[in-house]
Amino acid sequence: MTSLRTSVCWIAGFVAVLALTFTLPSLAQDTANDYPTAARADYVFGCMEVNGGTQEALRRCSCSIDVIASIVPYDKYVEAETVMSVVQVGGEKAALFHDPSMVEKVAELRRAQAEGEVRCF
């Protein structure tokens, strides 16, 4: 009876280790890849429009957003995109977004975009 319990415990432990082995990498990947599909698609559509709308543009633009996502967390991406769109419109409210912390967020995104261009285009 003891050897049966030992075998069952050993098998249960082995299954637990296997489960962790396959779960932990996917959890790490989810944190590193937290951009929603819609945000990625929106970027790719805009990028493709600027780059001719070809299959080659699709490949390169998809690569570019992957590079950006590997450098800038999604919440910072959203903040920088918001700042850029408000500043582009201009006006009185845009002046609030010229704060040095906001400027740095935009600069971080622009550096990531430049890295995406270097690697993908």
Protein backbone atom coordinates (compact mmCIF):
# COMPACT_ATOMS: atom_id res chain seq x y z
CA MET A 1 0.00 0.00 0.00
CA THR A 2 2.88 2.36 0.80
CA SER A 3 4.49 1.82 -2.59
CA LEU A 4 1.16 2.59 -4.27
CA ARG A 5 0.89 5.87 -2.32
CA THR A 6 4.46 6.71 -3.18
CA SER A 7 3.81 6.05 -6.85
CA VAL A 8 0.64 8.16 -6.82
CA CYS A 9 2.45 11.01 -5.05
CA TRP A 10 5.35 10.80 -7.49
CA ILE A 11 2.99 10.87 -10.49
CA ALA A 12 1.00 13.78 -9.01
CA GLY A 13 4.23 15.69 -8.42
CA PHE A 14 5.43 14.99 -11.93
CA VAL A 15 2.12 16.21 -13.40
CA ALA A 16 2.33 19.39 -11.28
CA VAL A 17 5.87 20.09 -12.52
CA LEU A 18 4.76 19.56 -16.12
CA ALA A 19 1.81 21.90 -15.64
CA LEU A 20 4.08 24.62 -14.25
CA THR A 21 6.58 24.09 -17.04
CA PHE A 22 3.97 24.81 -19.66
CA THR A 23 2.11 27.53 -17.73
CA LEU A 24 4.95 29.81 -16.58
CA PRO A 25 6.34 30.68 -20.03
CA SER A 26 2.86 31.54 -21.30
CA LEU A 27 2.26 33.77 -18.27
CA ALA A 28 5.54 35.59 -18.93
CA GLN A 29 4.66 35.93 -22.59
CA ASP A 30 1.23 37.39 -21.73
CA THR A 31 2.84 40.13 -19.64
CA ALA A 32 5.35 40.96 -22.35
CA ASN A 33 2.69 40.91 -25.04
CA ASP A 34 -0.20 42.84 -23.53
CA TYR A 35 -1.28 44.82 -26.61
CA PRO A 36 -4.89 44.01 -27.55
CA THR A 37 -5.41 42.69 -31.07
CA ALA A 38 -7.52 45.73 -31.98
CA ALA A 39 -4.68 48.11 -31.04
CA ARG A 40 -2.21 46.09 -33.10
CA ALA A 41 -4.62 45.99 -36.06
CA ASP A 42 -5.24 49.74 -35.83
CA TYR A 43 -1.50 50.40 -35.96
CA VAL A 44 -1.00 48.00 -38.86
CA PHE A 45 -3.88 49.52 -40.88
CA GLY A 46 -2.49 53.04 -40.43
CA CYS A 47 1.04 51.92 -41.21
CA MET A 48 -0.08 50.05 -44.32
CA GLU A 49 -1.98 53.08 -45.58
CA VAL A 50 1.18 55.18 -45.36
CA ASN A 51 3.32 52.44 -46.92
CA GLY A 52 1.32 51.53 -50.01
CA GLY A 53 -1.13 48.94 -48.71
CA THR A 54 0.81 45.98 -50.11
CA GLN A 55 1.41 42.52 -48.72
CA GLU A 56 4.99 43.61 -48.06
CA ALA A 57 3.69 46.61 -46.07
CA LEU A 58 1.50 44.24 -44.04
CA ARG A 59 4.52 42.11 -43.15
CA ARG A 60 6.70 45.09 -42.27
CA CYS A 61 4.01 46.95 -40.32
CA SER A 62 3.16 43.82 -38.31
CA CYS A 63 6.84 43.45 -37.50
CA SER A 64 7.01 47.10 -36.47
CA ILE A 65 4.16 46.91 -33.94
CA ASP A 66 5.71 43.75 -32.50
CA VAL A 67 8.97 45.64 -31.95
CA ILE A 68 7.12 48.57 -30.38
CA ALA A 69 5.19 46.20 -28.09
CA SER A 70 8.45 44.60 -26.97
CA ILE A 71 9.81 48.00 -25.92
CA VAL A 72 6.85 50.05 -24.66
CA PRO A 73 4.20 48.62 -22.32
CA TYR A 74 0.66 49.02 -23.63
CA ASP A 75 -0.45 51.55 -20.99
CA LYS A 76 2.47 53.83 -21.90
CA TYR A 77 1.70 53.34 -25.59
CA VAL A 78 -1.89 54.52 -25.02
CA GLU A 79 -0.71 57.56 -23.03
CA ALA A 80 1.80 58.58 -25.70
CA GLU A 81 -0.72 58.07 -28.53
CA THR A 82 -3.23 60.21 -26.64
CA VAL A 83 -0.71 63.00 -26.09
CA MET A 84 0.32 62.91 -29.76
CA SER A 85 -3.28 63.12 -30.99
CA VAL A 86 -4.20 65.99 -28.65
CA VAL A 87 -1.05 67.96 -29.49
CA GLN A 88 -1.70 67.42 -33.20
CA VAL A 89 -5.16 69.00 -32.88
CA GLY A 90 -3.62 71.95 -31.03
CA GLY A 91 -5.44 74.67 -29.15
CA GLU A 92 -5.52 75.68 -25.53
CA LYS A 93 -5.97 72.17 -24.15
CA ALA A 94 -2.92 70.93 -26.04
CA ALA A 95 -0.72 73.22 -23.95
CA LEU A 96 -1.35 70.95 -20.96
CA PHE A 97 0.37 68.13 -22.80
CA HIS A 98 3.68 69.96 -23.23
CA ASP A 99 4.67 68.94 -19.70
CA PRO A 100 8.16 67.33 -19.64
CA SER A 101 6.75 63.98 -18.42
CA MET A 102 4.33 63.93 -21.34
CA VAL A 103 7.06 64.90 -23.78
CA GLU A 104 9.19 62.00 -22.49
CA LYS A 105 6.34 59.51 -23.00
CA VAL A 106 6.01 60.60 -26.61
CA ALA A 107 9.80 60.47 -27.05
CA GLU A 108 9.87 56.89 -25.71
CA LEU A 109 7.22 55.83 -28.21
CA ARG A 110 9.01 57.60 -31.06
CA ARG A 111 12.25 55.79 -30.16
CA ALA A 112 10.37 52.47 -30.21
CA GLN A 113 8.83 53.37 -33.58
CA ALA A 114 12.28 54.23 -34.94
CA GLU A 115 13.59 50.87 -33.70
CA GLY A 116 10.67 49.18 -35.45
CA GLU A 117 11.57 50.95 -38.69
CA VAL A 118 15.21 49.95 -38.40
CA ARG A 119 14.41 46.30 -37.75
CA CYS A 120 11.46 45.91 -40.13
CA PHE A 121 11.80 48.32 -43.05
